Amino acid sequence: STFVVTFSYVFTCLIRSGGDDPSRPVGYRFAVDCRRLIDPPIPTTYFGNCVFSAVKIPLMAGMFLGEDGFVAAARLISDSVERLDSGVAWKIPELLETYVNAPAESLFVSV
């Protein structure tokens, strides 16, 4: 998708611009509109937010510094999009634990 290609490009460019330390922790996250993913579905008349954050951390910068860095990022981001399902609400505790346990020096790229 255009989202995966664009985000992968931005993600790898930001990692490369931060230096060449392959052991630097990095990660990404992106907002997901969950109104159609919740089971039972939220009514179409609902007026409000229902947003979840898809997260992949910790990763190492070295995965994205070489020639295949863009392809590696595109695969990971595409897999994150494909894994979104009706169970997103049940993953919130796991998401919070991921943030708490992330290394302090991590570079996060978010949209």
Protein backbone atom coordinates (compact mmCIF):
# COMPACT_ATOMS: atom_id res chain seq x y z
CA SER A 1 0.00 0.00 0.00
CA THR A 2 1.06 3.62 -0.32
CA PHE A 3 1.09 3.88 3.47
CA VAL A 4 3.56 0.99 3.82
CA VAL A 5 5.87 2.34 1.10
CA THR A 6 5.82 5.92 2.40
CA PHE A 7 6.25 5.01 6.06
CA SER A 8 9.03 2.52 5.26
CA TYR A 9 10.91 5.18 3.31
CA VAL A 10 10.57 7.79 6.06
CA PHE A 11 11.44 5.24 8.76
CA THR A 12 14.65 4.09 7.06
CA CYS A 13 15.71 7.65 6.16
CA LEU A 14 15.32 8.80 9.77
CA ILE A 15 17.30 5.84 11.06
CA ARG A 16 20.10 6.45 8.57
CA SER A 17 20.20 10.16 9.39
CA GLY A 18 20.78 9.33 13.07
CA GLY A 19 24.19 7.76 12.53
CA ASP A 20 25.58 4.36 11.72
CA ASP A 21 25.40 2.60 15.09
CA PRO A 22 23.81 -0.76 14.18
CA SER A 23 23.07 -1.59 17.83
CA ARG A 24 20.96 1.53 18.42
CA PRO A 25 17.41 0.53 19.45
CA VAL A 26 14.71 1.79 17.10
CA GLY A 27 11.02 1.18 16.59
CA TYR A 28 7.90 2.42 14.94
CA ARG A 29 4.28 2.97 15.75
CA PHE A 30 1.29 4.19 13.83
CA ALA A 31 -2.26 5.11 14.72
CA VAL A 32 -5.05 2.80 13.62
CA ASP A 33 -8.74 3.69 13.33
CA CYS A 34 -10.33 0.73 15.11
CA ARG A 35 -14.01 1.50 14.58
CA ARG A 36 -14.29 -1.26 11.96
CA LEU A 37 -12.01 -3.67 13.83
CA ILE A 38 -13.84 -3.92 17.15
CA ASP A 39 -16.07 -6.95 17.68
CA PRO A 40 -18.96 -6.30 18.08
CA PRO A 41 -18.68 -3.46 15.52
CA ILE A 42 -19.13 0.12 16.61
CA PRO A 43 -22.30 1.65 15.09
CA THR A 44 -21.81 3.89 12.05
CA THR A 45 -23.56 6.67 13.98
CA TYR A 46 -20.79 6.70 16.61
CA PHE A 47 -19.20 10.13 16.87
CA GLY A 48 -15.84 9.95 18.58
CA ASN A 49 -12.42 8.40 18.56
CA CYS A 50 -11.52 4.76 18.61
CA VAL A 51 -7.77 4.71 17.98
CA PHE A 52 -5.17 2.04 18.68
CA SER A 53 -1.42 2.23 18.19
CA ALA A 54 0.34 -0.50 16.24
CA VAL A 55 3.86 -0.81 17.64
CA LYS A 56 7.02 -2.70 16.76
CA ILE A 57 9.83 -2.29 19.32
CA PRO A 58 12.62 -2.90 20.07
CA LEU A 59 14.38 -3.36 16.78
CA MET A 60 18.04 -2.67 15.99
CA ALA A 61 19.09 0.08 13.59
CA GLY A 62 21.42 -2.34 11.80
CA MET A 63 18.41 -4.05 10.21
CA PHE A 64 17.72 -0.87 8.24
CA LEU A 65 21.17 0.58 7.49
CA GLY A 66 22.15 -1.66 4.56
CA GLU A 67 20.89 -1.89 0.99
CA ASP A 68 17.95 -4.06 2.06
CA GLY A 69 16.91 -1.75 4.89
CA PHE A 70 13.91 -0.36 3.04
CA VAL A 71 12.70 -3.84 2.12
CA ALA A 72 13.09 -5.03 5.72
CA ALA A 73 11.10 -2.04 6.98
CA ALA A 74 8.38 -2.56 4.36
CA ARG A 75 7.99 -6.22 5.36
CA LEU A 76 7.73 -5.42 9.07
CA ILE A 77 5.28 -2.55 8.59
CA SER A 78 3.17 -4.56 6.13
CA ASP A 79 3.04 -7.45 8.62
CA SER A 80 1.93 -5.03 11.36
CA VAL A 81 -0.92 -3.78 9.16
CA GLU A 82 -1.98 -7.32 8.22
CA ARG A 83 -2.05 -8.44 11.88
CA LEU A 84 -4.68 -5.87 12.81
CA ASP A 85 -7.87 -7.71 13.70
CA SER A 86 -10.92 -7.57 15.93
CA GLY A 87 -8.79 -8.35 18.99
CA VAL A 88 -7.01 -4.97 19.04
CA ALA A 89 -8.79 -3.84 22.21
CA TRP A 90 -7.46 -6.88 24.09
CA LYS A 91 -3.89 -5.96 23.12
CA ILE A 92 -3.83 -2.66 25.03
CA PRO A 93 -2.13 -4.09 28.18
CA GLU A 94 0.55 -5.67 25.96
CA LEU A 95 1.02 -2.33 24.18
CA LEU A 96 1.51 -0.46 27.46
CA GLU A 97 4.01 -3.03 28.69
CA THR A 98 5.96 -2.63 25.44
CA TYR A 99 6.27 1.13 26.00
CA VAL A 100 7.36 0.71 29.62
CA ASN A 101 10.06 -1.83 28.73
CA ALA A 102 11.48 0.06 25.73
CA PRO A 103 15.10 1.21 26.13
CA ALA A 104 15.28 4.92 27.01
CA GLU A 105 17.64 5.68 24.11
CA SER A 106 15.27 4.19 21.51
CA LEU A 107 14.37 6.14 18.39
CA PHE A 108 10.64 5.91 17.72
CA VAL A 109 9.13 6.95 14.42
CA SER A 110 5.39 7.60 14.67
CA VAL A 111 2.56 8.60 12.41
